[in-house]
Amino acid sequence: MSVVPEGTTLAIDSVSVDDRGVIDVSVTSAISAAPAEDRSLLVAQLEETLREGDGRSVELSDGNNPLAVQASDAPSRPVTIGDALAVVDRGDEGPQLRRVSGTELVELTEPPVTAGLDLTAVGAGPGDLPVVVRDGDDRLLRVAADAEPVQLLRGEGVLPPSVDRFGTVWTAVDGELWVVREAGASSRLDVEWLVDRRVRSVRVSPEGARVVLVVQGPEGREVWAAAIQRDAEDVPTGLSTPWRIGAPVPSVSAADWSDETTVVLLGRAPDGSQVLSLAGIGGLAGTADAGARELVTPGEPVHVASAVGASPMLVLDTGGVLQTRQSSALWPSVSGDVVAVAYPG
């Protein structure tokens, strides 16, 4: 999955591994139209997904012709850029935005104008540009310090926003996937495999090439990842054929990226309690199957925010207490009265 030209598929129905451990991935000629940076990103992602141990690398070819990917073109690994933003209930002052800094919440240097809004979710791009909030459960607005809020989208059951590195806002309205471009134009993404499924959670990866969705399908809740198809101006135009992530997680409600090929899932245990689980694209590293592994958390989580890189996982419990993961057994509290939290992305 990557930023590659629409129509790029495997030239043959399998990949081969030679005696040097090099994985040959032969794709159709559409790949030759991709910039060197995008080809490098594709190789990096394929190596993360396909290699089973040290020493394996991926060689990309256009049919039978190898495509050179120079070291100078190799991208840095995608990471989440910026601190998490939290919505805090300030009582008579109403909900306000704060920045998560270690085990504290701090005021924003230039707080956006949010007076009179019922903040229930927040999203931001890298470097807090843009900042998008959900007002109640039916409106998304772009907010800034020097301007009144601008409505981006309105409809029944608007999901919390995810903002990709191009400034495009992703959400779902009444179960249908929508994007809002930075200039403000909105459109519903026409994705064939989502026709009989309703989107319940959406999160774009840091490099903007992939999206993970929780959907309500004929067989219940499912988690899928897909490559984002974009036009020459980086506007999303569709999604690739998806990859199923993890074994079924009962009543999964949300998913977020934990690293390049791993997502954290919020779902329910057999006893009805809310739990977090880790699942990987193609299975978790070090495991023999594609199942999900439960995480031990304090209390009962109702919301999770995760980042790719060194930033810690954040969990909001039923009492509105925000906690940060320092180790598998150490989850210090950050603050109470928190309504929602999200990392950039």
Protein backbone atom coordinates (compact mmCIF):
# COMPACT_ATOMS: atom_id res chain seq x y z
CA MET A 1 0.00 0.00 0.00
CA SER A 2 1.44 3.38 -0.94
CA VAL A 3 1.09 6.54 -2.97
CA VAL A 4 1.24 4.92 -6.39
CA PRO A 5 -0.61 5.63 -9.64
CA GLU A 6 -4.15 4.33 -9.88
CA GLY A 7 -4.26 1.03 -11.77
CA THR A 8 -0.96 -0.30 -10.41
CA THR A 9 -1.31 -4.02 -9.67
CA LEU A 10 0.92 -7.07 -9.44
CA ALA A 11 2.10 -8.15 -12.88
CA ILE A 12 1.92 -11.75 -11.66
CA ASP A 13 -0.08 -13.24 -8.80
CA SER A 14 2.90 -13.85 -6.53
CA VAL A 15 6.28 -12.55 -5.43
CA SER A 16 9.54 -14.50 -5.49
CA VAL A 17 12.52 -14.63 -3.13
CA ASP A 18 15.98 -15.42 -4.52
CA ASP A 19 18.87 -17.11 -2.70
CA ARG A 20 20.14 -13.71 -1.52
CA GLY A 21 16.90 -13.05 0.32
CA VAL A 22 15.79 -10.38 -2.17
CA ILE A 23 12.02 -10.24 -2.67
CA ASP A 24 11.09 -9.46 -6.29
CA VAL A 25 7.82 -7.54 -6.60
CA SER A 26 6.79 -7.21 -10.23
CA VAL A 27 4.04 -4.67 -10.89
CA THR A 28 2.29 -3.33 -13.96
CA SER A 29 3.75 -0.53 -16.03
CA ALA A 30 1.66 2.17 -14.31
CA ILE A 31 4.34 2.28 -11.61
CA SER A 32 6.78 3.92 -14.03
CA ALA A 33 4.68 7.10 -13.80
CA ALA A 34 5.27 7.39 -10.06
CA PRO A 35 7.91 9.87 -8.82
CA ALA A 36 11.09 8.41 -7.34
CA GLU A 37 9.98 9.46 -3.83
CA ASP A 38 6.74 7.49 -4.14
CA ARG A 39 8.55 4.41 -5.50
CA SER A 40 10.96 4.60 -2.56
CA LEU A 41 8.05 4.83 -0.14
CA LEU A 42 6.41 1.79 -1.74
CA VAL A 43 9.63 -0.24 -1.38
CA ALA A 44 9.99 0.78 2.28
CA GLN A 45 6.41 -0.24 3.06
CA LEU A 46 6.71 -3.53 1.18
CA GLU A 47 9.88 -4.36 3.14
CA GLU A 48 8.04 -3.76 6.41
CA THR A 49 5.10 -5.92 5.31
CA LEU A 50 6.85 -8.80 3.51
CA ARG A 51 10.14 -9.43 5.23
CA GLU A 52 10.18 -12.17 7.86
CA GLY A 53 13.59 -11.46 9.35
CA ASP A 54 16.80 -9.53 8.96
CA GLY A 55 18.58 -9.42 5.62
CA ARG A 56 15.57 -9.36 3.30
CA SER A 57 15.04 -6.51 0.91
CA VAL A 58 12.55 -5.68 -1.83
CA GLU A 59 13.39 -5.12 -5.50
CA LEU A 60 10.67 -3.38 -7.50
CA SER A 61 10.29 -4.11 -11.20
CA ASP A 62 8.12 -2.91 -14.05
CA GLY A 63 7.26 -6.28 -15.56
CA ASN A 64 10.70 -7.79 -16.17
CA ASN A 65 12.64 -4.51 -15.89
CA PRO A 66 14.06 -3.60 -12.45
CA LEU A 67 13.24 -0.06 -11.27
CA ALA A 68 16.15 1.69 -9.62
CA VAL A 69 15.46 3.19 -6.19
CA GLN A 70 18.54 5.14 -5.18
CA ALA A 71 19.55 5.46 -1.55
CA SER A 72 19.27 9.23 -1.84
CA ASP A 73 15.60 8.77 -2.74
CA ALA A 74 14.83 6.54 0.24
CA PRO A 75 12.32 8.29 2.52
CA SER A 76 12.68 8.64 6.25
CA ARG A 77 10.32 6.40 8.19
CA PRO A 78 6.92 8.04 8.66
CA VAL A 79 6.34 9.38 12.15
CA THR A 80 3.61 11.40 13.80
CA ILE A 81 4.67 15.05 13.99
CA GLY A 82 3.44 17.06 16.97
CA ASP A 83 1.87 16.65 20.39
CA ALA A 84 -1.62 15.36 21.08
CA LEU A 85 -4.47 17.82 21.59
CA ALA A 86 -7.12 17.19 24.24
CA VAL A 87 -10.62 18.56 24.77
CA VAL A 88 -11.07 19.42 28.46
CA ASP A 89 -14.37 20.22 30.18
CA ARG A 90 -13.78 23.52 32.04
CA GLY A 91 -17.21 23.64 33.66
CA ASP A 92 -18.86 27.04 33.29
CA GLU A 93 -16.14 28.06 30.81
CA GLY A 94 -17.14 25.23 28.48
CA PRO A 95 -14.87 22.70 26.73
CA GLN A 96 -11.44 23.98 25.71
CA LEU A 97 -8.39 22.70 23.86
CA ARG A 98 -5.15 21.84 25.64
CA ARG A 99 -1.85 20.33 24.53
CA VAL A 100 -0.63 17.07 26.08
CA SER A 101 2.94 17.58 27.27
CA GLY A 102 4.32 14.55 29.09
CA THR A 103 2.05 14.03 32.08
CA GLU A 104 0.52 17.51 31.96
CA LEU A 105 -1.98 19.50 29.95
CA VAL A 106 -0.75 22.95 28.91
CA GLU A 107 -2.49 25.88 27.28
CA LEU A 108 -1.94 26.44 23.58
CA THR A 109 0.31 29.39 22.73
CA GLU A 110 -2.36 30.73 20.38
CA PRO A 111 -5.64 29.05 21.39
CA PRO A 112 -8.19 28.86 18.58
CA VAL A 113 -11.58 30.53 18.83
CA THR A 114 -14.00 27.90 20.19
CA ALA A 115 -16.42 29.95 22.32
CA GLY A 116 -19.96 28.60 22.20
CA LEU A 117 -18.96 25.28 20.63
CA ASP A 118 -19.75 21.86 22.13
CA LEU A 119 -16.36 20.27 21.51
CA THR A 120 -16.67 16.47 21.35
CA ALA A 121 -13.65 15.55 19.18
CA VAL A 122 -10.50 17.12 17.77
CA GLY A 123 -8.11 16.48 14.89
CA ALA A 124 -5.02 18.25 13.60
CA GLY A 125 -2.50 18.10 10.81
CA PRO A 126 1.28 18.15 11.37
CA GLY A 127 2.24 21.26 13.32
CA ASP A 128 -1.41 21.91 14.25
CA LEU A 129 -2.27 22.99 10.71
CA PRO A 130 -5.18 22.80 10.43
CA VAL A 131 -7.03 22.19 13.71
CA VAL A 132 -10.48 20.66 13.21
CA VAL A 133 -13.11 20.08 15.89
CA ARG A 134 -16.46 18.33 16.05
CA ASP A 135 -19.28 20.46 17.42
CA GLY A 136 -21.81 18.15 19.06
CA ASP A 137 -22.21 15.10 16.84
CA ASP A 138 -23.20 16.69 13.54
CA ARG A 139 -20.66 19.39 12.55
CA LEU A 140 -16.97 19.63 11.73
CA LEU A 141 -15.34 23.04 11.89
CA ARG A 142 -11.85 24.38 11.18
CA VAL A 143 -10.74 26.62 14.06
CA ALA A 144 -7.89 29.11 14.34
CA ALA A 145 -6.65 31.80 16.73
CA ASP A 146 -7.23 34.69 14.36
CA ALA A 147 -10.58 33.82 12.79
CA GLU A 148 -14.08 32.62 13.55
CA PRO A 149 -14.72 28.86 13.12
CA VAL A 150 -15.42 27.73 9.56
CA GLN A 151 -17.92 24.92 9.00
CA LEU A 152 -16.48 22.14 6.85
CA LEU A 153 -19.18 19.50 6.94
CA ARG A 154 -22.54 18.86 8.56
CA GLY A 155 -24.64 15.70 8.75
CA GLU A 156 -25.99 12.94 10.91
CA GLY A 157 -23.43 11.03 12.99
CA VAL A 158 -20.26 12.84 11.86
CA LEU A 159 -17.20 10.85 13.00
CA PRO A 160 -14.17 12.40 14.75
CA PRO A 161 -11.87 13.91 12.11
CA SER A 162 -8.53 12.59 10.86
CA VAL A 163 -6.31 15.15 9.11
CA ASP A 164 -3.66 13.89 6.69
CA ARG A 165 -0.32 15.53 5.93
CA PHE A 166 -1.80 17.28 2.88
CA GLY A 167 -4.38 19.08 5.06
CA THR A 168 -7.29 16.92 3.87
CA VAL A 169 -9.86 16.12 6.55
CA TRP A 170 -11.29 12.58 6.64
CA THR A 171 -14.52 11.59 8.34
CA ALA A 172 -17.75 9.70 7.75
CA VAL A 173 -21.30 11.03 7.65
CA ASP A 174 -24.06 8.53 8.34
CA GLY A 175 -21.57 5.74 7.70
CA GLU A 176 -20.31 7.08 4.34
CA LEU A 177 -16.68 8.13 3.84
CA TRP A 178 -16.11 11.84 3.16
CA VAL A 179 -13.06 14.07 2.62
CA VAL A 180 -12.78 17.84 2.92
CA ARG A 181 -9.90 19.51 1.11
CA GLU A 182 -7.90 22.31 2.69
CA ALA A 183 -9.66 24.88 0.51
CA GLY A 184 -13.00 23.71 1.93
CA ALA A 185 -14.50 21.64 -0.92
CA SER A 186 -16.00 18.37 0.35
CA SER A 187 -16.83 15.14 -1.46
CA ARG A 188 -17.97 11.61 -0.71
CA LEU A 189 -15.46 8.94 -1.70
CA ASP A 190 -17.03 6.36 -3.97
CA VAL A 191 -15.45 3.09 -2.81
CA GLU A 192 -16.93 -0.09 -4.25
CA TRP A 193 -16.04 -2.39 -1.35
CA LEU A 194 -17.73 -0.01 1.13
CA VAL A 195 -21.12 -0.22 -0.58
CA ASP A 196 -22.52 -2.70 1.95
CA ARG A 197 -20.47 -1.42 4.89
CA ARG A 198 -20.86 1.56 7.20
CA VAL A 199 -17.72 3.38 8.37
CA ARG A 200 -17.45 3.67 12.17
CA SER A 201 -13.86 4.94 12.54
CA VAL A 202 -11.30 6.42 10.15
CA ARG A 203 -7.61 7.17 10.67
CA VAL A 204 -4.97 8.13 8.07
CA SER A 205 -1.34 7.04 8.49
CA PRO A 206 1.36 9.73 9.07
CA GLU A 207 2.72 9.59 5.50
CA GLY A 208 -0.79 10.00 4.07
CA ALA A 209 -0.58 6.85 1.95
CA ARG A 210 -2.86 4.52 3.91
CA VAL A 211 -6.06 4.59 5.91
CA VAL A 212 -7.40 2.21 8.55
CA LEU A 213 -11.17 1.88 8.83
CA VAL A 214 -13.52 0.21 11.27
CA VAL A 215 -16.62 -0.75 9.35
CA GLN A 216 -19.97 -2.36 10.10
CA GLY A 217 -20.32 -5.17 7.57
CA PRO A 218 -22.70 -8.08 6.96
CA GLU A 219 -20.64 -10.19 9.40
CA GLY A 220 -20.32 -7.51 12.09
CA ARG A 221 -17.54 -5.05 12.88
CA GLU A 222 -14.36 -5.41 10.81
CA VAL A 223 -11.05 -3.57 10.54
CA TRP A 224 -9.60 -2.88 7.10
CA ALA A 225 -6.56 -0.99 5.78
CA ALA A 226 -6.27 0.34 2.25
CA ALA A 227 -3.99 2.49 0.12
CA ILE A 228 -5.21 5.99 -0.66
CA GLN A 229 -5.48 6.81 -4.34
CA ARG A 230 -4.80 10.47 -5.17
CA ASP A 231 -4.74 12.65 -8.27
CA ALA A 232 -1.83 14.83 -9.43
CA GLU A 233 -2.77 17.48 -6.84
CA ASP A 234 -2.80 14.93 -3.97
CA VAL A 235 -6.59 15.04 -3.70
CA PRO A 236 -8.00 11.65 -2.57
CA THR A 237 -9.95 9.95 -5.35
CA GLY A 238 -10.53 6.45 -3.94
CA LEU A 239 -9.14 3.49 -2.01
CA SER A 240 -7.36 0.35 -3.14
CA THR A 241 -8.52 -3.20 -2.53
CA PRO A 242 -8.35 -3.48 1.29
CA TRP A 243 -6.40 -5.70 3.67
CA ARG A 244 -8.23 -7.28 6.60
CA ILE A 245 -6.51 -6.52 9.92
CA GLY A 246 -6.56 -9.00 12.78
CA ALA A 247 -9.04 -11.64 13.77
CA PRO A 248 -12.52 -10.33 14.61
CA VAL A 249 -12.52 -8.08 17.68
CA PRO A 250 -16.04 -8.08 19.16
CA SER A 251 -17.74 -4.67 18.94
CA VAL A 252 -14.56 -2.89 17.81
CA SER A 253 -15.31 0.81 17.71
CA ALA A 254 -12.05 2.57 16.83
CA ALA A 255 -8.59 1.98 15.37
CA ASP A 256 -5.43 4.09 15.33
CA TRP A 257 -1.90 3.63 13.96
CA SER A 258 0.59 2.36 16.57
CA ASP A 259 3.54 1.94 14.21
CA GLU A 260 4.05 1.55 10.46
CA THR A 261 2.27 -1.82 10.23
CA THR A 262 0.48 -2.10 13.58
CA VAL A 263 -2.81 -0.61 14.78
CA VAL A 264 -4.39 -0.38 18.21
CA LEU A 265 -8.05 -1.37 18.42
CA LEU A 266 -10.68 -0.34 20.95
CA GLY A 267 -13.29 -3.07 21.38
CA ARG A 268 -15.21 -5.16 23.90
CA ALA A 269 -14.13 -8.28 25.77
CA PRO A 270 -16.52 -11.26 26.14
CA ASP A 271 -17.61 -9.91 29.55
CA GLY A 272 -18.70 -6.64 27.95
CA SER A 273 -15.83 -4.47 29.24
CA GLN A 274 -13.90 -2.19 26.90
CA VAL A 275 -10.38 -3.39 26.02
CA LEU A 276 -7.45 -2.39 23.82
CA SER A 277 -5.77 -4.80 21.40
CA LEU A 278 -2.85 -4.63 18.98
CA ALA A 279 -3.17 -6.07 15.48
CA GLY A 280 -0.82 -5.98 12.50
CA ILE A 281 -1.13 -5.82 8.74
CA GLY A 282 -0.29 -9.41 7.80
CA GLY A 283 -0.11 -10.35 11.49
CA LEU A 284 1.83 -9.05 14.47
CA ALA A 285 5.60 -9.32 14.41
CA GLY A 286 6.75 -12.45 16.22
CA THR A 287 3.39 -14.20 15.98
CA ALA A 288 2.28 -17.02 13.70
CA ASP A 289 -1.22 -15.74 12.97
CA ALA A 290 -3.10 -12.58 12.07
CA GLY A 291 -4.93 -12.29 15.38
CA ALA A 292 -5.05 -9.42 17.84
CA ARG A 293 -3.21 -9.29 21.18
CA GLU A 294 -4.91 -7.65 24.15
CA LEU A 295 -3.15 -4.80 25.99
CA VAL A 296 -3.28 -4.46 29.75
CA THR A 297 -4.67 -1.04 30.70
CA PRO A 298 -5.73 0.57 33.98
CA GLY A 299 -9.46 0.99 34.32
CA GLU A 300 -11.76 0.66 31.34
CA PRO A 301 -10.75 2.59 28.20
CA VAL A 302 -13.36 4.47 26.19
CA HIS A 303 -10.98 6.30 23.86
CA VAL A 304 -7.43 5.77 22.61
CA ALA A 305 -4.94 8.02 20.81
CA SER A 306 -1.79 6.51 19.39
CA ALA A 307 1.16 7.80 17.38
CA VAL A 308 3.85 6.39 15.12
CA GLY A 309 7.26 7.10 16.65
CA ALA A 310 8.33 7.90 20.19
CA SER A 311 5.10 9.53 21.43
CA PRO A 312 3.28 7.47 24.08
CA MET A 313 -0.16 5.94 23.71
CA LEU A 314 -2.92 7.89 25.46
CA VAL A 315 -6.05 6.33 26.94
CA LEU A 316 -9.19 8.00 28.25
CA ASP A 317 -11.17 5.98 30.80
CA THR A 318 -14.85 5.95 31.77
CA GLY A 319 -14.27 8.60 34.44
CA GLY A 320 -12.79 11.12 32.02
CA VAL A 321 -9.24 10.53 33.27
CA LEU A 322 -6.52 10.73 30.62
CA GLN A 323 -3.58 8.35 31.13
CA THR A 324 -0.30 8.01 29.25
CA ARG A 325 1.51 4.72 28.65
CA GLN A 326 5.09 4.72 29.93
CA SER A 327 5.40 0.93 30.06
CA SER A 328 3.11 -2.09 29.98
CA ALA A 329 2.49 -1.68 33.72
CA LEU A 330 2.94 2.08 34.20
CA TRP A 331 0.13 4.42 33.12
CA PRO A 332 0.39 7.73 35.03
CA SER A 333 -2.61 10.05 34.98
CA VAL A 334 -2.41 13.28 33.00
CA SER A 335 -5.69 14.99 33.88
CA GLY A 336 -9.33 14.49 34.68
CA ASP A 337 -12.38 16.00 32.95
CA VAL A 338 -11.03 15.12 29.51
CA VAL A 339 -13.63 14.67 26.76
CA ALA A 340 -11.47 13.60 23.80
CA VAL A 341 -7.85 13.41 22.68
CA ALA A 342 -6.02 12.92 19.39
CA TYR A 343 -2.53 13.06 17.92
CA PRO A 344 -1.95 14.89 14.63
CA GLY A 345 -3.05 12.71 11.73
